[in-house]
Amino acid sequence: MVHPQRDEQPWIDEIVAEVRSAREQLFAACDYDLEKLAKRLRQNQKVSGRAVVTFPRRMPAKGVSA
């Protein structure tokens, strides 16, 4: 069934919009440089005082393809 075109605005998820806005602000603060952003996030991680969990690298099994 074909619906007639509507003049309604698309639905906007407020949470998604907030996350995208925060991401844009963080990236803009680092001059849109991914290396600067990663460095800033690592610095924030260090000063947060929270435990950082890292796992050893896992190598794919031989003969298994993705």
Protein backbone atom coordinates (compact mmCIF):
# COMPACT_ATOMS: atom_id res chain seq x y z
CA MET A 1 0.00 0.00 0.00
CA VAL A 2 1.37 3.39 -0.91
CA HIS A 3 1.04 6.18 1.63
CA PRO A 4 0.65 9.77 0.51
CA GLN A 5 3.58 12.01 1.27
CA ARG A 6 3.37 13.70 4.62
CA ASP A 7 4.69 17.07 5.69
CA GLU A 8 5.68 15.69 9.10
CA GLN A 9 9.17 16.01 10.49
CA PRO A 10 11.02 12.73 11.10
CA TRP A 11 11.02 11.43 14.65
CA ILE A 12 14.21 12.37 16.55
CA ASP A 13 15.47 10.27 19.45
CA GLU A 14 16.55 12.74 22.14
CA ILE A 15 19.15 10.40 23.65
CA VAL A 16 20.79 9.72 20.31
CA ALA A 17 20.81 13.44 19.56
CA GLU A 18 22.46 14.16 22.93
CA VAL A 19 25.14 11.51 22.38
CA ARG A 20 25.89 12.82 18.89
CA SER A 21 26.13 16.37 20.22
CA ALA A 22 28.54 15.30 22.98
CA ARG A 23 30.65 13.40 20.44
CA GLU A 24 30.79 16.43 18.18
CA GLN A 25 31.86 18.69 21.05
CA LEU A 26 34.62 16.29 22.14
CA PHE A 27 35.92 15.93 18.60
CA ALA A 28 35.75 19.69 17.93
CA ALA A 29 37.74 20.37 21.11
CA CYS A 30 40.52 18.22 19.60
CA ASP A 31 40.47 20.05 16.25
CA TYR A 32 38.92 16.97 14.63
CA ASP A 33 42.24 15.13 15.10
CA LEU A 34 41.73 11.49 16.05
CA GLU A 35 45.20 11.18 17.63
CA LYS A 36 44.53 14.21 19.85
CA LEU A 37 41.16 12.78 20.83
CA ALA A 38 42.67 9.41 21.75
CA LYS A 39 45.39 11.12 23.81
CA ARG A 40 42.81 13.24 25.62
CA LEU A 41 40.62 10.22 26.39
CA ARG A 42 43.63 8.26 27.74
CA GLN A 43 44.55 11.22 29.97
CA ASN A 44 40.99 11.45 31.28
CA GLN A 45 41.06 7.72 31.93
CA LYS A 46 44.24 8.04 34.03
CA VAL A 47 42.97 10.88 36.21
CA SER A 48 39.55 9.29 36.74
CA GLY A 49 40.93 6.99 39.43
CA ARG A 50 38.92 4.07 38.12
CA ALA A 51 40.45 0.67 37.47
CA VAL A 52 41.14 0.04 33.81
CA VAL A 53 40.59 -3.50 32.60
CA THR A 54 42.62 -4.77 29.70
CA PHE A 55 42.53 -8.23 28.23
CA PRO A 56 45.34 -10.02 26.42
CA ARG A 57 45.09 -10.07 22.66
CA ARG A 58 43.36 -13.07 21.22
CA MET A 59 44.69 -14.49 18.01
CA PRO A 60 42.29 -16.15 15.58
CA ALA A 61 42.52 -19.93 15.37
CA LYS A 62 44.46 -21.24 12.39
CA GLY A 63 42.33 -22.37 9.50
CA VAL A 64 39.27 -20.43 10.64
CA SER A 65 38.06 -17.69 8.33
CA ALA A 66 35.65 -14.92 9.15
